[in-house]
Amino acid sequence: MAHKMKTVSLDSMIEKHIGKRGTKKREHFEKELRIDLLGQAIKQARNELKLTQQQLGEMVGVQKAQISKIENSVKNARLETVLKVFDALGAKVNFSVFLNNKKIALF
């Protein structure tokens, strides 16, 4: 007898295993996910430009190990360093700031 699999949305799985939006556990999860995306973006841009971590590090003025840490987990990197990396890659970075669910205009 074949088993029929139930299809569920990613959001419902996250709610079930991590928690609903607005809970501390969910907010932490979402924050970590966004931070990881920065590292992935840096790695993708570096690879598209055919740069090694060593070469990018030299462009930014940091060691290869720092580039590796940023690509794999931005959590401990200084924002200034992350912005220097994006600048060296010629990448444009946009930030949005929200306060009480309202976007704050940044000039």
Protein backbone atom coordinates (compact mmCIF):
# COMPACT_ATOMS: atom_id res chain seq x y z
CA MET A 1 0.00 0.00 0.00
CA ALA A 2 1.54 3.32 -1.07
CA HIS A 3 1.84 6.14 1.44
CA LYS A 4 0.46 9.47 0.35
CA MET A 5 2.61 12.43 1.42
CA LYS A 6 0.98 15.63 2.58
CA THR A 7 2.25 18.88 1.12
CA VAL A 8 2.72 21.75 3.56
CA SER A 9 4.05 25.27 3.15
CA LEU A 10 7.50 26.25 4.33
CA ASP A 11 5.99 28.94 6.53
CA SER A 12 3.73 26.42 8.30
CA MET A 13 6.72 24.13 8.91
CA ILE A 14 8.73 27.02 10.35
CA GLU A 15 5.80 27.99 12.58
CA LYS A 16 5.46 24.40 13.77
CA HIS A 17 9.16 23.84 14.50
CA ILE A 18 10.49 27.34 15.23
CA GLY A 19 7.45 29.32 16.35
CA LYS A 20 4.99 31.93 15.19
CA ARG A 21 6.08 35.34 13.91
CA GLY A 22 6.66 37.74 16.77
CA THR A 23 7.98 35.13 19.20
CA LYS A 24 11.56 35.50 20.41
CA LYS A 25 12.60 32.16 18.95
CA ARG A 26 11.14 33.04 15.52
CA GLU A 27 12.66 36.53 15.52
CA HIS A 28 16.07 35.05 16.33
CA PHE A 29 15.65 32.51 13.52
CA GLU A 30 14.68 35.22 11.02
CA LYS A 31 17.60 37.42 12.07
CA GLU A 32 20.10 34.57 11.69
CA LEU A 33 18.66 33.72 8.28
CA ARG A 34 19.09 37.30 7.05
CA ILE A 35 22.66 37.46 8.33
CA ASP A 36 23.53 34.21 6.55
CA LEU A 37 22.17 35.68 3.31
CA LEU A 38 24.75 38.49 3.50
CA GLY A 39 27.57 35.97 3.60
CA GLN A 40 26.08 34.05 0.70
CA ALA A 41 25.74 37.25 -1.34
CA ILE A 42 29.39 38.11 -0.74
CA LYS A 43 30.54 34.63 -1.75
CA GLN A 44 28.37 34.65 -4.88
CA ALA A 45 29.65 38.07 -5.96
CA ARG A 46 33.26 37.05 -5.30
CA ASN A 47 32.83 33.87 -7.35
CA GLU A 48 31.17 35.76 -10.22
CA LEU A 49 34.18 38.09 -10.31
CA LYS A 50 36.47 35.04 -10.21
CA LEU A 51 38.27 36.29 -7.11
CA THR A 52 39.82 34.10 -4.45
CA GLN A 53 39.22 34.84 -0.78
CA GLN A 54 42.89 35.85 -0.62
CA GLN A 55 42.49 38.36 -3.46
CA LEU A 56 39.33 39.86 -1.96
CA GLY A 57 41.00 40.07 1.44
CA GLU A 58 43.91 42.00 -0.08
CA MET A 59 41.47 44.39 -1.76
CA VAL A 60 39.73 45.05 1.56
CA GLY A 61 42.81 44.95 3.78
CA VAL A 62 41.91 41.85 5.79
CA GLN A 63 43.21 38.30 5.97
CA LYS A 64 41.75 35.48 3.86
CA ALA A 65 40.44 33.91 7.08
CA GLN A 66 38.28 37.00 7.73
CA ILE A 67 36.70 36.72 4.26
CA SER A 68 36.00 33.04 4.93
CA LYS A 69 34.37 33.86 8.27
CA ILE A 70 32.23 36.55 6.67
CA GLU A 71 31.10 34.22 3.88
CA ASN A 72 30.26 31.44 6.29
CA SER A 73 28.86 33.41 9.21
CA VAL A 74 28.66 37.19 9.31
CA LYS A 75 27.63 37.18 12.98
CA ASN A 76 31.02 38.25 14.31
CA ALA A 77 32.06 40.57 11.49
CA ARG A 78 32.07 44.31 11.93
CA LEU A 79 29.54 46.10 9.75
CA GLU A 80 32.32 48.37 8.50
CA THR A 81 34.25 45.33 7.21
CA VAL A 82 31.18 43.85 5.53
CA LEU A 83 30.50 47.16 3.79
CA LYS A 84 34.16 47.38 2.67
CA VAL A 85 33.84 43.89 1.17
CA PHE A 86 30.73 44.85 -0.78
CA ASP A 87 32.45 48.06 -1.91
CA ALA A 88 35.51 46.12 -3.11
CA LEU A 89 33.19 43.84 -5.07
CA GLY A 90 31.50 46.85 -6.66
CA ALA A 91 28.21 45.78 -5.12
CA LYS A 92 25.48 48.19 -4.08
CA VAL A 93 23.97 47.55 -0.65
CA ASN A 94 20.59 48.90 0.43
CA PHE A 95 19.28 48.96 3.98
CA SER A 96 15.72 49.40 5.14
CA VAL A 97 14.94 50.44 8.68
CA PHE A 98 11.51 49.75 10.16
CA LEU A 99 10.16 51.16 13.42
CA ASN A 100 6.78 49.94 14.65
CA ASN A 101 6.21 48.29 11.25
CA LYS A 102 6.74 51.62 9.44
CA LYS A 103 9.66 52.13 7.10
CA ILE A 104 11.86 55.04 8.13
CA ALA A 105 13.07 57.20 5.26
CA LEU A 106 16.87 57.32 5.24
CA PHE A 107 18.53 60.24 3.53
